Amino acid sequence: VFLEKIAPMVHRVNESVTAERTRITKLIGHLDVGYELNSEQQAWLKSLMKKYRVKDDLTAATLRNALLPKVDVIPVELALAQAANESAWGKSRFAREAQNLFGVWTYDESRGIVPKKRAKGAKHLVRKYESMEESITHYITLLNSHPAYKALRDIRMQQRESGERLDGIAMAAGLIKYSAKGEKYVAIIRSMIHTNNLTDFRSA
């Protein structure tokens, strides 16, 4: 039930990311042939650059080499495995009370709830979301933008360049910094993908 509920949400968020990627690609093509971007196109690109932590430079080279590699989908099997692991299959307090499927933290008191077992002196909170789909959107943006997950994006880019299908099992290697468990966490996520046949959910 959890997988059947979450998988369509992941696909919807990925479709939105794909639409962004398609538009960026078209704008790069315009720049390559000397077309000047209008104010609306520039504003849209600048908002994306802020979202994905890319230097505000509207050249074809920056869009192609810095922005485009970050604006890409996360394989559904990887998202499902992490969601299941981090939320105890949707049964955790954070999933139930905060719609948080991925254990994402925040330090903004207006956006989080206090973990019951938070260490004395710690100030982190668990991020609250309006919906599980919003949680998925933030998670995908996090993997696509945070420096800690560059290795994941590099693996994805290599798969793109070689014409391979994006593979969550391979990309899981870039999640070492997602958890204090490091390599063990990667092994757990890969095992969950295999054990639960999560690649079966690749089709929308």
C-alpha atoms as a PDB file:
ATOM      1  CA  VAL A   1       0.000   0.000   0.000  1.00  0.00           C
ATOM      2  CA  PHE A   2       2.823   2.401   0.881  1.00  0.00           C
ATOM      3  CA  LEU A   3       4.626   1.813  -2.410  1.00  0.00           C
ATOM      4  CA  GLU A   4       1.464   2.133  -4.488  1.00  0.00           C
ATOM      5  CA  LYS A   5       0.672   5.426  -2.769  1.00  0.00           C
ATOM      6  CA  ILE A   6       4.130   6.987  -2.990  1.00  0.00           C
ATOM      7  CA  ALA A   7       5.266   5.830  -6.454  1.00  0.00           C
ATOM      8  CA  PRO A   8       2.777   8.005  -8.403  1.00  0.00           C
ATOM      9  CA  MET A   9       3.877  11.040  -6.378  1.00  0.00           C
ATOM     10  CA  VAL A  10       7.519  10.396  -7.253  1.00  0.00           C
ATOM     11  CA  HIS A  11       6.594  10.124 -10.920  1.00  0.00           C
ATOM     12  CA  ARG A  12       4.682  13.421 -10.800  1.00  0.00           C
ATOM     13  CA  VAL A  13       7.595  15.260  -9.215  1.00  0.00           C
ATOM     14  CA  ASN A  14       9.992  13.710 -11.732  1.00  0.00           C
ATOM     15  CA  GLU A  15       7.701  14.844 -14.566  1.00  0.00           C
ATOM     16  CA  SER A  16       7.943  18.398 -13.252  1.00  0.00           C
ATOM     17  CA  VAL A  17      11.741  18.164 -13.109  1.00  0.00           C
ATOM     18  CA  THR A  18      11.788  16.745 -16.638  1.00  0.00           C
ATOM     19  CA  ALA A  19       9.735  19.709 -17.851  1.00  0.00           C
ATOM     20  CA  GLU A  20      12.296  22.077 -16.307  1.00  0.00           C
ATOM     21  CA  ARG A  21      15.132  20.130 -17.927  1.00  0.00           C
ATOM     22  CA  THR A  22      13.435  20.207 -21.333  1.00  0.00           C
ATOM     23  CA  ARG A  23      12.928  23.962 -21.165  1.00  0.00           C
ATOM     24  CA  ILE A  24      16.548  24.559 -20.114  1.00  0.00           C
ATOM     25  CA  THR A  25      17.736  22.449 -23.046  1.00  0.00           C
ATOM     26  CA  LYS A  26      15.652  24.520 -25.468  1.00  0.00           C
ATOM     27  CA  LEU A  27      17.006  27.777 -24.051  1.00  0.00           C
ATOM     28  CA  ILE A  28      20.560  26.494 -24.360  1.00  0.00           C
ATOM     29  CA  GLY A  29      19.810  25.792 -28.006  1.00  0.00           C
ATOM     30  CA  HIS A  30      18.583  29.369 -28.460  1.00  0.00           C
ATOM     31  CA  LEU A  31      21.753  30.758 -26.901  1.00  0.00           C
ATOM     32  CA  ASP A  32      23.927  28.511 -29.069  1.00  0.00           C
ATOM     33  CA  VAL A  33      22.538  30.177 -32.205  1.00  0.00           C
ATOM     34  CA  GLY A  34      22.801  33.718 -30.836  1.00  0.00           C
ATOM     35  CA  TYR A  35      19.242  34.207 -29.603  1.00  0.00           C
ATOM     36  CA  GLU A  36      18.875  36.650 -26.701  1.00  0.00           C
ATOM     37  CA  LEU A  37      16.737  35.539 -23.780  1.00  0.00           C
ATOM     38  CA  ASN A  38      13.801  37.766 -22.852  1.00  0.00           C
ATOM     39  CA  SER A  39      13.207  39.028 -19.327  1.00  0.00           C
ATOM     40  CA  GLU A  40      10.748  36.256 -18.453  1.00  0.00           C
ATOM     41  CA  GLN A  41      13.184  33.554 -19.566  1.00  0.00           C
ATOM     42  CA  GLN A  42      16.025  35.193 -17.662  1.00  0.00           C
ATOM     43  CA  ALA A  43      13.943  35.486 -14.493  1.00  0.00           C
ATOM     44  CA  TRP A  44      12.922  31.823 -14.746  1.00  0.00           C
ATOM     45  CA  LEU A  45      16.513  30.669 -15.191  1.00  0.00           C
ATOM     46  CA  LYS A  46      17.725  32.810 -12.294  1.00  0.00           C
ATOM     47  CA  SER A  47      15.074  31.322 -10.017  1.00  0.00           C
ATOM     48  CA  LEU A  48      16.225  27.843 -11.012  1.00  0.00           C
ATOM     49  CA  MET A  49      19.866  28.741 -10.429  1.00  0.00           C
ATOM     50  CA  LYS A  50      19.001  29.862  -6.920  1.00  0.00           C
ATOM     51  CA  LYS A  51      16.962  26.699  -6.310  1.00  0.00           C
ATOM     52  CA  TYR A  52      19.747  24.403  -7.523  1.00  0.00           C
ATOM     53  CA  ARG A  53      22.660  26.405  -6.056  1.00  0.00           C
ATOM     54  CA  VAL A  54      24.230  27.411  -9.343  1.00  0.00           C
ATOM     55  CA  LYS A  55      26.147  30.628 -10.003  1.00  0.00           C
ATOM     56  CA  ASP A  56      23.924  33.299 -11.554  1.00  0.00           C
ATOM     57  CA  ASP A  57      25.478  33.312 -15.025  1.00  0.00           C
ATOM     58  CA  LEU A  58      23.150  33.093 -18.016  1.00  0.00           C
ATOM     59  CA  THR A  59      25.642  31.745 -20.532  1.00  0.00           C
ATOM     60  CA  ALA A  60      25.116  28.584 -22.555  1.00  0.00           C
ATOM     61  CA  ALA A  61      28.220  27.046 -20.963  1.00  0.00           C
ATOM     62  CA  THR A  62      26.954  27.575 -17.404  1.00  0.00           C
ATOM     63  CA  LEU A  63      23.486  26.311 -18.225  1.00  0.00           C
ATOM     64  CA  ARG A  64      24.882  23.235 -19.979  1.00  0.00           C
ATOM     65  CA  ASN A  65      27.693  22.343 -17.568  1.00  0.00           C
ATOM     66  CA  ALA A  66      26.433  23.568 -14.176  1.00  0.00           C
ATOM     67  CA  LEU A  67      22.634  23.797 -14.205  1.00  0.00           C
ATOM     68  CA  LEU A  68      21.485  21.005 -16.515  1.00  0.00           C
ATOM     69  CA  PRO A  69      23.337  18.198 -14.638  1.00  0.00           C
ATOM     70  CA  LYS A  70      21.442  19.188 -11.491  1.00  0.00           C
ATOM     71  CA  VAL A  71      18.000  19.398 -13.054  1.00  0.00           C
ATOM     72  CA  ASP A  72      17.259  15.732 -13.585  1.00  0.00           C
ATOM     73  CA  VAL A  73      15.079  12.967 -12.192  1.00  0.00           C
ATOM     74  CA  ILE A  74      15.740  10.635  -9.278  1.00  0.00           C
ATOM     75  CA  PRO A  75      14.957   7.005 -10.168  1.00  0.00           C
ATOM     76  CA  VAL A  76      11.699   5.946  -8.559  1.00  0.00           C
ATOM     77  CA  GLU A  77      13.261   2.828  -7.030  1.00  0.00           C
ATOM     78  CA  LEU A  78      15.827   4.932  -5.168  1.00  0.00           C
ATOM     79  CA  ALA A  79      13.221   7.375  -3.856  1.00  0.00           C
ATOM     80  CA  LEU A  80      10.937   4.541  -2.733  1.00  0.00           C
ATOM     81  CA  ALA A  81      13.738   2.716  -0.920  1.00  0.00           C
ATOM     82  CA  GLN A  82      14.794   5.847   0.953  1.00  0.00           C
ATOM     83  CA  ALA A  83      11.222   6.802   1.771  1.00  0.00           C
ATOM     84  CA  ALA A  84      10.498   3.339   3.136  1.00  0.00           C
ATOM     85  CA  ASN A  85      13.723   3.269   5.130  1.00  0.00           C
ATOM     86  CA  GLU A  86      13.522   6.785   6.563  1.00  0.00           C
ATOM     87  CA  SER A  87       9.804   6.696   7.402  1.00  0.00           C
ATOM     88  CA  ALA A  88       9.469   3.065   8.531  1.00  0.00           C
ATOM     89  CA  TRP A  89       7.130   2.460   5.600  1.00  0.00           C
ATOM     90  CA  GLY A  90       5.133   5.560   6.461  1.00  0.00           C
ATOM     91  CA  LYS A  91       4.573   4.555  10.090  1.00  0.00           C
ATOM     92  CA  SER A  92       7.094   6.857  11.791  1.00  0.00           C
ATOM     93  CA  ARG A  93       6.006   9.811  13.873  1.00  0.00           C
ATOM     94  CA  PHE A  94       7.662  12.176  11.407  1.00  0.00           C
ATOM     95  CA  ALA A  95       5.772  10.678   8.462  1.00  0.00           C
ATOM     96  CA  ARG A  96       2.456  10.796  10.325  1.00  0.00           C
ATOM     97  CA  GLU A  97       2.777  14.202  12.010  1.00  0.00           C
ATOM     98  CA  ALA A  98       5.048  16.087   9.615  1.00  0.00           C
ATOM     99  CA  GLN A  99       4.449  14.355   6.246  1.00  0.00           C
ATOM    100  CA  ASN A 100       8.241  13.887   6.216  1.00  0.00           C
ATOM    101  CA  LEU A 101       9.232  10.730   4.333  1.00  0.00           C
ATOM    102  CA  PHE A 102      12.988  11.260   4.185  1.00  0.00           C
ATOM    103  CA  GLY A 103      14.098  12.351   7.663  1.00  0.00           C
ATOM    104  CA  VAL A 104      15.026  15.829   6.419  1.00  0.00           C
ATOM    105  CA  TRP A 105      16.107  18.282   9.128  1.00  0.00           C
ATOM    106  CA  THR A 106      15.629  22.004   9.495  1.00  0.00           C
ATOM    107  CA  TYR A 107      16.730  24.676  11.958  1.00  0.00           C
ATOM    108  CA  ASP A 108      13.735  26.894  11.227  1.00  0.00           C
ATOM    109  CA  GLU A 109      11.434  26.610  14.260  1.00  0.00           C
ATOM    110  CA  SER A 110       8.416  27.574  12.178  1.00  0.00           C
ATOM    111  CA  ARG A 111       8.979  24.631   9.836  1.00  0.00           C
ATOM    112  CA  GLY A 112       9.810  21.729  12.109  1.00  0.00           C
ATOM    113  CA  ILE A 113       8.917  19.494  15.034  1.00  0.00           C
ATOM    114  CA  VAL A 114      11.252  18.509  17.855  1.00  0.00           C
ATOM    115  CA  PRO A 115      12.558  14.909  17.781  1.00  0.00           C
ATOM    116  CA  LYS A 116      11.711  13.135  21.044  1.00  0.00           C
ATOM    117  CA  LYS A 117      15.214  11.665  21.352  1.00  0.00           C
ATOM    118  CA  ARG A 118      17.115  14.804  20.359  1.00  0.00           C
ATOM    119  CA  ALA A 119      20.413  15.062  22.231  1.00  0.00           C
ATOM    120  CA  LYS A 120      20.733  17.706  24.927  1.00  0.00           C
ATOM    121  CA  GLY A 121      21.932  20.961  23.399  1.00  0.00           C
ATOM    122  CA  ALA A 122      20.999  19.949  19.844  1.00  0.00           C
ATOM    123  CA  LYS A 123      18.801  22.381  17.952  1.00  0.00           C
ATOM    124  CA  HIS A 124      17.805  20.511  14.817  1.00  0.00           C
ATOM    125  CA  LEU A 125      14.160  19.870  14.018  1.00  0.00           C
ATOM    126  CA  VAL A 126      12.456  17.486  11.650  1.00  0.00           C
ATOM    127  CA  ARG A 127      11.057  19.412   8.692  1.00  0.00           C
ATOM    128  CA  LYS A 128       7.258  19.698   8.389  1.00  0.00           C
ATOM    129  CA  TYR A 129       5.511  19.541   5.026  1.00  0.00           C
ATOM    130  CA  GLU A 130       1.994  20.275   3.869  1.00  0.00           C
ATOM    131  CA  SER A 131       1.862  16.942   2.052  1.00  0.00           C
ATOM    132  CA  MET A 132       3.944  13.875   1.308  1.00  0.00           C
ATOM    133  CA  GLU A 133       4.305  15.050  -2.271  1.00  0.00           C
ATOM    134  CA  GLU A 134       5.866  18.286  -1.001  1.00  0.00           C
ATOM    135  CA  SER A 135       8.274  16.129   1.010  1.00  0.00           C
ATOM    136  CA  ILE A 136       9.205  14.236  -2.159  1.00  0.00           C
ATOM    137  CA  THR A 137       9.698  17.479  -4.077  1.00  0.00           C
ATOM    138  CA  HIS A 138      12.069  18.820  -1.415  1.00  0.00           C
ATOM    139  CA  TYR A 139      13.964  15.519  -1.239  1.00  0.00           C
ATOM    140  CA  ILE A 140      14.575  15.448  -4.992  1.00  0.00           C
ATOM    141  CA  THR A 141      15.655  19.092  -4.968  1.00  0.00           C
ATOM    142  CA  LEU A 142      18.007  18.305  -2.079  1.00  0.00           C
ATOM    143  CA  LEU A 143      19.707  15.445  -3.923  1.00  0.00           C
ATOM    144  CA  ASN A 144      19.924  17.619  -7.024  1.00  0.00           C
ATOM    145  CA  SER A 145      21.402  20.673  -5.357  1.00  0.00           C
ATOM    146  CA  HIS A 146      23.341  19.877  -2.181  1.00  0.00           C
ATOM    147  CA  PRO A 147      27.146  19.537  -2.488  1.00  0.00           C
ATOM    148  CA  ALA A 148      27.013  16.358  -0.378  1.00  0.00           C
ATOM    149  CA  TYR A 149      25.331  14.480  -3.230  1.00  0.00           C
ATOM    150  CA  LYS A 150      27.578  15.517  -6.103  1.00  0.00           C
ATOM    151  CA  ALA A 151      28.789  11.922  -6.440  1.00  0.00           C
ATOM    152  CA  LEU A 152      25.205  10.774  -7.028  1.00  0.00           C
ATOM    153  CA  ARG A 153      24.750  13.409  -9.725  1.00  0.00           C
ATOM    154  CA  ASP A 154      28.059  12.470 -11.331  1.00  0.00           C
ATOM    155  CA  ILE A 155      26.944   8.829 -11.597  1.00  0.00           C
ATOM    156  CA  ARG A 156      23.658   9.954 -13.134  1.00  0.00           C
ATOM    157  CA  MET A 157      25.451  12.187 -15.637  1.00  0.00           C
ATOM    158  CA  GLN A 158      27.730   9.305 -16.656  1.00  0.00           C
ATOM    159  CA  GLN A 159      24.674   7.137 -17.236  1.00  0.00           C
ATOM    160  CA  ARG A 160      23.122   9.905 -19.355  1.00  0.00           C
ATOM    161  CA  GLU A 161      26.268  10.359 -21.425  1.00  0.00           C
ATOM    162  CA  SER A 162      26.595   6.629 -22.089  1.00  0.00           C
ATOM    163  CA  GLY A 163      22.937   6.336 -23.064  1.00  0.00           C
ATOM    164  CA  GLU A 164      22.113   4.002 -20.180  1.00  0.00           C
ATOM    165  CA  ARG A 165      18.827   3.953 -18.327  1.00  0.00           C
ATOM    166  CA  LEU A 166      19.130   5.802 -15.024  1.00  0.00           C
ATOM    167  CA  ASP A 167      19.792   3.196 -12.342  1.00  0.00           C
ATOM    168  CA  GLY A 168      18.964   3.854  -8.698  1.00  0.00           C
ATOM    169  CA  ILE A 169      21.098   0.962  -7.491  1.00  0.00           C
ATOM    170  CA  ALA A 170      24.206   2.496  -9.048  1.00  0.00           C
ATOM    171  CA  MET A 171      23.275   6.020  -7.963  1.00  0.00           C
ATOM    172  CA  ALA A 172      22.859   4.855  -4.361  1.00  0.00           C
ATOM    173  CA  ALA A 173      26.655   4.942  -4.121  1.00  0.00           C
ATOM    174  CA  GLY A 174      26.321   8.722  -3.933  1.00  0.00           C
ATOM    175  CA  LEU A 175      24.303   8.569  -0.703  1.00  0.00           C
ATOM    176  CA  ILE A 176      27.202   7.921   1.656  1.00  0.00           C
ATOM    177  CA  LYS A 177      26.753  11.341   3.255  1.00  0.00           C
ATOM    178  CA  TYR A 178      22.966  11.004   3.596  1.00  0.00           C
ATOM    179  CA  SER A 179      23.356   8.992   6.797  1.00  0.00           C
ATOM    180  CA  ALA A 180      25.938   8.569   9.523  1.00  0.00           C
ATOM    181  CA  LYS A 181      25.909   4.890   8.547  1.00  0.00           C
ATOM    182  CA  GLY A 182      27.843   5.719   5.386  1.00  0.00           C
ATOM    183  CA  GLU A 183      28.580   2.643   3.253  1.00  0.00           C
ATOM    184  CA  LYS A 184      26.228   0.550   5.381  1.00  0.00           C
ATOM    185  CA  TYR A 185      23.396   2.934   4.478  1.00  0.00           C
ATOM    186  CA  VAL A 186      24.153   2.473   0.772  1.00  0.00           C
ATOM    187  CA  ALA A 187      24.006  -1.302   1.253  1.00  0.00           C
ATOM    188  CA  ILE A 188      20.678  -1.024   3.085  1.00  0.00           C
ATOM    189  CA  ILE A 189      19.104   1.059   0.320  1.00  0.00           C
ATOM    190  CA  ARG A 190      20.359  -1.294  -2.380  1.00  0.00           C
ATOM    191  CA  SER A 191      19.067  -4.295  -0.454  1.00  0.00           C
ATOM    192  CA  MET A 192      15.639  -2.687  -0.114  1.00  0.00           C
ATOM    193  CA  ILE A 193      15.501  -2.067  -3.863  1.00  0.00           C
ATOM    194  CA  HIS A 194      16.351  -5.717  -4.579  1.00  0.00           C
ATOM    195  CA  THR A 195      14.228  -7.301  -1.851  1.00  0.00           C
ATOM    196  CA  ASN A 196      11.088  -5.329  -2.674  1.00  0.00           C
ATOM    197  CA  ASN A 197      11.499  -5.380  -6.472  1.00  0.00           C
ATOM    198  CA  LEU A 198      11.287  -1.586  -6.526  1.00  0.00           C
ATOM    199  CA  THR A 199      12.432  -1.355 -10.133  1.00  0.00           C
ATOM    200  CA  ASP A 200       8.961  -2.712 -10.986  1.00  0.00           C
ATOM    201  CA  PHE A 201       7.672   0.800 -10.190  1.00  0.00           C
ATOM    202  CA  ARG A 202       9.740   2.511 -12.897  1.00  0.00           C
ATOM    203  CA  SER A 203       6.722   2.750 -15.174  1.00  0.00           C
ATOM    204  CA  ALA A 204       4.309   5.538 -14.254  1.00  0.00           C
END
